[in-house]
């Protein structure tokens, strides 16, 4: 039974580790049942042709035994050919169905950890504990239930044909054999249906048990998060340091700006434009406190600050730091740069640097 504290679904990491250990939802009954049904189906389908092959082999064996110079080599070769022709297709179908059903249930899995030799697996005491444990008894019960159902169905089928069986001594041997084969085939078909249905139930129970075993407690989720993604407090501290570094970097870059475009209270975008550039570049951008700090630096360095709320919002939302402005904003930015250059030229002619704003 799963731990009562384990109420959370398994994470992908937990499922991956379980798969590496060979823990997948696979029903051996389903693989075996499909293989057996496929083999029996092919045997029934081969019925007439296989019967002719075996009868020919039997007849030729008797004829060869009656010859004066008997050689067993041709008879052995013929027997081998008949066995191969009848057995190889049956074995191939059974193997393909078993492998295919196994792959469909759990995919292709090579679990090296599950193949590692462990001495406790060879301990007879552990095996006895498994046999007499709840798991062992449940496995035995799972085997008894379908067997009991098959026996019950066989009794029902035999009871239905009981009168015909009692009168079988009055019919010819070929007719009796055909009747007997039909009864056996009926039992086999119904038993196959029972086994297939039970195999489906067994796979569902196996899958449900594995899902229950893989469940995790909240503490295990937190521990796994620490192992895979790091301590949450450490991650918060790292993100805070990264934000501070980006903030410091943008404040340094603001000192090289040609102009700072503001909202005027919420956004600030620092632009740089030189004659060899194809388009102005966003050196830094910020909002609220960072925007105020950028404007303070611009005033300290006597960098022009222009209020243009639509342009400031557009630049802040559409252009990343270090990127060139899009073509759609060329006109608005060009007007601002033209104003800045004109103001700087007038200030130089007057012998005074232009003031902010």
Protein backbone atom coordinates (compact mmCIF):
# COMPACT_ATOMS: atom_id res chain seq x y z
CA UNK A 1 0.00 0.00 0.00
CA UNK A 2 1.30 3.46 -0.86
CA UNK A 3 2.29 5.84 1.95
CA UNK A 4 -0.65 7.98 3.07
CA UNK A 5 1.59 11.07 2.90
CA UNK A 6 2.40 10.44 -0.76
CA UNK A 7 -0.48 12.24 -2.38
CA UNK A 8 1.24 14.05 -5.26
CA UNK A 9 1.64 12.68 -8.78
CA UNK A 10 5.11 11.60 -9.83
CA UNK A 11 7.23 14.22 -11.57
CA UNK A 12 8.88 13.55 -14.96
CA UNK A 13 12.23 13.27 -13.15
CA UNK A 14 10.84 10.60 -10.81
CA UNK A 15 9.33 8.69 -13.75
CA UNK A 16 12.60 8.87 -15.65
CA UNK A 17 14.56 7.47 -12.69
CA UNK A 18 11.99 4.69 -12.23
CA UNK A 19 12.28 3.81 -15.91
CA UNK A 20 16.06 3.67 -15.64
CA UNK A 21 15.57 1.14 -12.84
CA UNK A 22 13.28 -0.94 -15.04
CA UNK A 23 10.02 0.09 -13.37
CA UNK A 24 7.43 0.22 -16.12
CA UNK A 25 3.81 -0.93 -16.25
CA UNK A 26 4.02 -4.26 -18.05
CA UNK A 27 1.78 -7.28 -17.74
CA UNK A 28 3.50 -10.58 -18.41
CA UNK A 29 0.10 -12.21 -18.66
CA UNK A 30 -0.84 -9.93 -21.55
CA UNK A 31 2.34 -10.68 -23.50
CA UNK A 32 2.06 -14.41 -22.86
CA UNK A 33 -1.64 -14.53 -23.69
CA UNK A 34 -1.20 -12.70 -26.99
CA UNK A 35 1.68 -14.97 -27.94
CA UNK A 36 -0.30 -18.10 -27.04
CA UNK A 37 -3.45 -16.94 -28.86
CA UNK A 38 -1.44 -16.05 -31.94
CA UNK A 39 0.34 -19.41 -31.95
CA UNK A 40 -2.90 -21.36 -31.47
CA UNK A 41 -4.65 -19.30 -34.12
CA UNK A 42 -1.91 -20.05 -36.63
CA UNK A 43 -2.00 -23.75 -35.74
CA UNK A 44 -5.76 -23.82 -36.35
CA UNK A 45 -5.29 -21.91 -39.61
CA UNK A 46 -2.63 -24.41 -40.68
CA UNK A 47 -4.89 -27.28 -39.64
CA UNK A 48 -5.57 -29.04 -42.97
CA UNK A 49 -2.19 -28.40 -44.61
CA UNK A 50 -0.29 -29.35 -41.45
CA UNK A 51 -2.36 -32.53 -41.10
CA UNK A 52 -1.49 -33.52 -44.68
CA UNK A 53 2.21 -32.93 -44.03
CA UNK A 54 2.21 -35.05 -40.90
CA UNK A 55 0.16 -37.83 -42.51
CA UNK A 56 2.52 -37.91 -45.50
CA UNK A 57 5.48 -38.09 -43.13
CA UNK A 58 3.88 -40.95 -41.22
CA UNK A 59 3.00 -42.86 -44.42
CA UNK A 60 6.49 -42.40 -45.89
CA UNK A 61 8.07 -43.51 -42.63
CA UNK A 62 6.13 -46.77 -42.78
CA UNK A 63 6.98 -47.28 -46.46
CA UNK A 64 10.68 -46.64 -45.88
CA UNK A 65 10.70 -49.02 -42.94
CA UNK A 66 9.38 -51.79 -45.20
CA UNK A 67 12.27 -51.54 -47.67
CA UNK A 68 15.13 -53.96 -47.44
CA UNK A 69 17.75 -51.23 -47.65
CA UNK A 70 16.44 -48.72 -45.14
CA UNK A 71 18.26 -45.38 -44.81
CA UNK A 72 17.19 -43.05 -42.04
CA UNK A 73 18.83 -39.95 -43.53
CA UNK A 74 16.03 -39.06 -46.04
CA UNK A 75 13.44 -39.69 -43.38
CA UNK A 76 15.26 -37.43 -40.89
CA UNK A 77 15.58 -34.67 -43.48
CA UNK A 78 11.90 -34.91 -44.35
CA UNK A 79 10.91 -34.92 -40.66
CA UNK A 80 13.10 -31.86 -40.06
CA UNK A 81 11.52 -30.05 -43.00
CA UNK A 82 7.99 -30.80 -41.75
CA UNK A 83 8.85 -29.66 -38.24
CA UNK A 84 10.45 -26.45 -39.50
CA UNK A 85 7.59 -25.70 -41.87
CA UNK A 86 5.01 -26.17 -39.14
CA UNK A 87 6.90 -24.89 -36.08
CA UNK A 88 8.91 -21.89 -37.36
CA UNK A 89 5.86 -19.80 -38.39
CA UNK A 90 4.17 -20.57 -35.07
CA UNK A 91 7.27 -19.62 -33.08
CA UNK A 92 7.80 -16.48 -35.16
CA UNK A 93 4.22 -15.29 -34.67
CA UNK A 94 4.36 -15.97 -30.91
CA UNK A 95 7.69 -14.14 -30.59
CA UNK A 96 6.53 -11.12 -32.60
CA UNK A 97 3.29 -10.80 -30.65
CA UNK A 98 5.07 -11.14 -27.31
CA UNK A 99 7.74 -8.58 -28.25
CA UNK A 100 5.22 -6.22 -29.81
CA UNK A 101 2.92 -6.24 -26.80
CA UNK A 102 5.87 -5.68 -24.46
CA UNK A 103 7.04 -2.69 -26.50
CA UNK A 104 3.53 -1.26 -26.67
CA UNK A 105 3.18 -1.46 -22.90
CA UNK A 106 6.49 0.07 -21.85
CA UNK A 107 8.44 0.99 -24.96
CA UNK A 108 11.98 -0.12 -25.71
CA UNK A 109 13.76 -0.25 -22.37
CA UNK A 110 17.32 -1.26 -21.53
CA UNK A 111 17.69 -0.79 -17.78
CA UNK A 112 21.31 -1.38 -16.84
CA UNK A 113 20.58 -0.95 -13.14
CA UNK A 114 17.95 -3.68 -13.23
CA UNK A 115 20.45 -6.04 -14.90
CA UNK A 116 23.12 -5.46 -12.25
CA UNK A 117 23.74 -8.70 -10.29
CA UNK A 118 22.54 -8.50 -6.68
CA UNK A 119 23.30 -11.20 -4.14
CA UNK A 120 20.01 -10.69 -2.28
CA UNK A 121 18.19 -12.00 -5.35
CA UNK A 122 19.86 -15.37 -4.80
CA UNK A 123 18.89 -15.54 -1.13
CA UNK A 124 16.35 -18.39 -0.61
CA UNK A 125 14.99 -16.64 2.48
CA UNK A 126 13.99 -13.59 0.45
CA UNK A 127 12.30 -15.81 -2.10
CA UNK A 128 10.32 -17.60 0.62
CA UNK A 129 9.26 -14.26 2.06
CA UNK A 130 8.07 -13.18 -1.36
CA UNK A 131 6.12 -16.40 -1.84
CA UNK A 132 4.29 -16.10 1.50
CA UNK A 133 3.90 -12.33 1.39
CA UNK A 134 0.77 -10.38 0.44
CA UNK A 135 2.28 -9.73 -2.97
CA UNK A 136 2.97 -13.43 -3.51
CA UNK A 137 -0.52 -14.44 -2.43
CA UNK A 138 -2.06 -11.79 -4.69
CA UNK A 139 0.00 -13.16 -7.60
CA UNK A 140 -1.20 -16.68 -6.82
CA UNK A 141 -4.79 -15.44 -6.65
CA UNK A 142 -4.37 -13.69 -9.98
CA UNK A 143 -3.33 -17.03 -11.49
CA UNK A 144 -6.10 -19.05 -9.84
CA UNK A 145 -8.96 -16.79 -10.93
CA UNK A 146 -8.52 -17.14 -14.72
CA UNK A 147 -7.74 -20.86 -14.32
CA UNK A 148 -10.98 -21.37 -12.39
CA UNK A 149 -12.91 -19.45 -15.05
CA UNK A 150 -11.40 -21.58 -17.82
CA UNK A 151 -12.25 -24.80 -15.96
CA UNK A 152 -15.80 -23.57 -15.48
CA UNK A 153 -16.15 -22.75 -19.19
CA UNK A 154 -14.68 -26.13 -20.14
CA UNK A 155 -17.22 -27.90 -17.91
CA UNK A 156 -20.03 -25.88 -19.49
CA UNK A 157 -18.86 -26.76 -23.02
CA UNK A 158 -18.43 -30.45 -22.22
CA UNK A 159 -21.83 -30.52 -20.53
CA UNK A 160 -23.42 -28.98 -23.61
CA UNK A 161 -21.98 -31.75 -25.82
CA UNK A 162 -22.24 -34.53 -23.24
CA UNK A 163 -25.00 -36.39 -25.05
CA UNK A 164 -23.02 -36.36 -28.28
CA UNK A 165 -19.95 -37.63 -26.44
CA UNK A 166 -21.94 -40.57 -25.07
CA UNK A 167 -23.09 -41.49 -28.59
CA UNK A 168 -19.62 -41.05 -30.14
CA UNK A 169 -18.96 -44.80 -29.94
CA UNK A 170 -21.56 -45.32 -32.67
CA UNK A 171 -19.91 -43.01 -35.25
CA UNK A 172 -16.92 -43.55 -37.45
CA UNK A 173 -13.47 -42.50 -36.31
CA UNK A 174 -13.05 -39.52 -38.74
CA UNK A 175 -16.42 -38.12 -37.69
CA UNK A 176 -15.54 -38.56 -34.02
CA UNK A 177 -12.20 -36.83 -34.51
CA UNK A 178 -13.88 -33.90 -36.25
CA UNK A 179 -16.40 -33.63 -33.41
CA UNK A 180 -13.68 -33.87 -30.77
CA UNK A 181 -11.60 -31.18 -32.50
CA UNK A 182 -14.63 -28.86 -32.68
CA UNK A 183 -15.23 -29.27 -28.92
CA UNK A 184 -11.57 -28.65 -28.09
CA UNK A 185 -11.47 -25.65 -30.42
CA UNK A 186 -14.56 -24.18 -28.74
CA UNK A 187 -12.91 -24.54 -25.33
CA UNK A 188 -9.68 -23.00 -26.63
CA UNK A 189 -11.46 -20.00 -28.17
CA UNK A 190 -13.46 -19.25 -25.04
CA UNK A 191 -10.41 -19.76 -22.85
CA UNK A 192 -8.47 -17.33 -25.08
CA UNK A 193 -11.21 -14.71 -24.68
CA UNK A 194 -11.10 -15.16 -20.91
CA UNK A 195 -7.31 -14.86 -20.83
CA UNK A 196 -7.33 -11.74 -23.03
CA UNK A 197 -9.94 -10.08 -20.81
CA UNK A 198 -8.02 -11.04 -17.68
CA UNK A 199 -4.75 -9.81 -19.19
CA UNK A 200 -6.33 -6.41 -19.81
CA UNK A 201 -7.46 -6.29 -16.17
CA UNK A 202 -3.99 -7.38 -15.05
CA UNK A 203 -2.34 -4.61 -17.07
CA UNK A 204 -4.70 -2.03 -15.57
CA UNK A 205 -3.95 -3.26 -12.04
CA UNK A 206 -0.21 -3.27 -12.75
CA UNK A 207 -0.35 0.29 -14.12
CA UNK A 208 -2.41 1.48 -11.19
CA UNK A 209 -0.04 -0.10 -8.66
CA UNK A 210 2.98 1.49 -10.36
CA UNK A 211 1.28 4.90 -10.34
CA UNK A 212 0.55 4.46 -6.64
CA UNK A 213 4.15 3.43 -5.91
CA UNK A 214 5.52 6.43 -7.82
CA UNK A 215 3.46 8.98 -5.89
CA UNK A 216 5.49 11.50 -3.93
CA UNK A 217 5.03 13.45 -0.73
CA UNK A 218 5.30 17.23 -0.63
CA UNK A 219 8.65 16.91 1.13
CA UNK A 220 9.96 14.68 -1.66
CA UNK A 221 8.79 17.26 -4.21
CA UNK A 222 10.66 20.02 -2.39
CA UNK A 223 13.77 17.85 -2.07
CA UNK A 224 13.69 16.94 -5.76
CA UNK A 225 13.25 20.60 -6.67
CA UNK A 226 16.36 21.44 -4.65
CA UNK A 227 18.36 18.66 -6.31
CA UNK A 228 17.28 19.39 -9.88
CA UNK A 229 16.75 23.14 -9.89
CA UNK A 230 18.72 24.28 -6.85
CA UNK A 231 17.69 25.80 -3.52
CA UNK A 232 14.83 28.32 -3.98
CA UNK A 233 16.54 30.85 -1.69
CA UNK A 234 19.74 30.51 -3.69
CA UNK A 235 17.86 30.98 -6.95
CA UNK A 236 16.18 34.11 -5.59
CA UNK A 237 19.53 35.50 -4.48
CA UNK A 238 21.07 34.74 -7.88
CA UNK A 239 18.19 36.43 -9.70
CA UNK A 240 18.48 39.46 -7.42
CA UNK A 241 22.20 39.73 -8.12
CA UNK A 242 21.56 39.38 -11.85
CA UNK A 243 18.97 42.16 -11.74
CA UNK A 244 21.41 44.41 -9.87
CA UNK A 245 24.14 43.69 -12.42
CA UNK A 246 21.79 44.47 -15.33
CA UNK A 247 20.69 47.66 -13.56
CA UNK A 248 24.28 48.77 -13.00
CA UNK A 249 25.18 47.93 -16.60
CA UNK A 250 22.30 50.01 -17.99
CA UNK A 251 23.16 52.95 -15.74
CA UNK A 252 26.74 52.87 -17.04
CA UNK A 253 25.50 52.69 -20.61
CA UNK A 254 23.21 55.68 -20.04
CA UNK A 255 26.30 57.87 -19.67
CA UNK A 256 27.10 57.30 -23.38
CA UNK A 257 23.60 58.13 -24.63
CA UNK A 258 22.85 60.79 -27.23
CA UNK A 259 19.38 61.43 -25.83
CA UNK A 260 17.05 60.00 -23.18
CA UNK A 261 13.38 59.68 -24.17
CA UNK A 262 10.95 59.64 -21.22
CA UNK A 263 7.28 58.95 -20.52
CA UNK A 264 7.97 61.28 -18.45
CA UNK A 265 7.33 59.44 -15.14
CA UNK A 266 7.19 55.71 -15.87
CA UNK A 267 9.59 54.92 -18.73
CA UNK A 268 13.03 56.09 -19.82
CA UNK A 269 14.93 54.90 -22.89
CA UNK A 270 18.54 55.91 -23.61
CA UNK A 271 19.40 56.15 -27.33
CA UNK A 272 22.79 56.33 -29.00
CA UNK A 273 23.30 57.48 -32.57
CA UNK A 274 26.54 58.11 -34.42
CA UNK A 275 27.14 58.99 -38.04
CA UNK A 276 28.44 55.53 -38.99
CA UNK A 277 25.33 53.78 -37.61
CA UNK A 278 22.49 52.66 -39.83
CA UNK A 279 19.92 53.29 -37.08
CA UNK A 280 19.89 54.51 -33.46
CA UNK A 281 20.54 51.84 -30.80
CA UNK A 282 18.85 51.43 -27.43
CA UNK A 283 21.61 51.55 -24.82
CA UNK A 284 19.40 51.18 -21.76
CA UNK A 285 15.77 51.24 -20.72
CA UNK A 286 13.95 51.21 -17.42
CA UNK A 287 10.78 52.06 -15.63
CA UNK A 288 9.82 53.66 -12.35
CA UNK A 289 12.86 53.84 -10.02
CA UNK A 290 15.34 52.77 -12.71
CA UNK A 291 13.89 55.37 -15.07
CA UNK A 292 14.35 58.08 -12.43
CA UNK A 293 17.94 57.01 -11.88
CA UNK A 294 18.60 57.11 -15.63
CA UNK A 295 17.22 60.66 -15.79
CA UNK A 296 19.43 61.68 -12.85
CA UNK A 297 22.50 60.38 -14.67
CA UNK A 298 21.43 62.18 -17.84
CA UNK A 299 21.17 65.44 -15.90
CA UNK A 300 24.56 64.86 -14.31
CA UNK A 301 26.17 64.21 -17.71
CA UNK A 302 24.11 66.97 -19.37
CA UNK A 303 22.50 64.54 -21.80
CA UNK A 304 19.30 65.91 -23.39
CA UNK A 305 16.08 64.52 -21.90
CA UNK A 306 13.01 64.71 -24.13
CA UNK A 307 9.46 63.85 -23.09
CA UNK A 308 7.60 61.85 -25.70
CA UNK A 309 5.24 59.35 -23.97
CA UNK A 310 4.10 57.42 -27.10
CA UNK A 311 7.66 57.02 -28.39
CA UNK A 312 9.03 56.11 -24.97
CA UNK A 313 6.39 53.39 -24.50
CA UNK A 314 6.92 52.07 -28.05
CA UNK A 315 10.71 51.90 -27.65
CA UNK A 316 10.47 50.28 -24.22
CA UNK A 317 8.08 47.53 -25.37
CA UNK A 318 9.41 46.79 -28.86
CA UNK A 319 13.22 47.15 -28.66
CA UNK A 320 15.60 45.10 -26.53
CA UNK A 321 18.67 46.62 -24.96
CA UNK A 322 21.45 46.69 -27.55
CA UNK A 323 19.02 46.46 -30.47
CA UNK A 324 18.42 48.96 -33.24
CA UNK A 325 15.08 50.74 -33.39
CA UNK A 326 12.56 49.35 -35.91
CA UNK A 327 11.93 51.09 -39.22
CA UNK A 328 8.46 52.17 -38.11
CA UNK A 329 9.97 54.49 -35.48
CA UNK A 330 12.63 56.08 -37.72
CA UNK A 331 10.61 59.24 -38.34
CA UNK A 332 9.82 59.96 -34.69
CA UNK A 333 13.39 59.26 -33.56
CA UNK A 334 14.84 61.29 -36.44
CA UNK A 335 12.80 64.31 -35.40
CA UNK A 336 14.11 63.99 -31.83
CA UNK A 337 17.73 63.59 -32.96
CA UNK A 338 17.39 66.56 -35.31
CA UNK A 339 16.10 68.68 -32.44
CA UNK A 340 18.93 67.49 -30.17
CA UNK A 341 21.64 68.22 -32.75
CA UNK A 342 20.13 71.62 -33.49
CA UNK A 343 20.03 72.50 -29.80
CA UNK A 344 23.62 71.30 -29.34
CA UNK A 345 24.78 73.37 -32.31
CA UNK A 346 23.07 76.50 -30.99
CA UNK A 347 24.59 75.90 -27.57
CA UNK A 348 28.08 75.57 -29.04
CA UNK A 349 27.67 78.78 -31.03
CA UNK A 350 26.53 80.53 -27.89
CA UNK A 351 29.39 79.00 -25.87
CA UNK A 352 27.01 77.19 -23.53
CA UNK A 353 26.18 73.43 -23.36
CA UNK A 354 22.50 72.65 -23.76
CA UNK A 355 20.73 71.94 -20.51
CA UNK A 356 18.63 68.87 -19.83
CA UNK A 357 15.02 69.05 -20.91
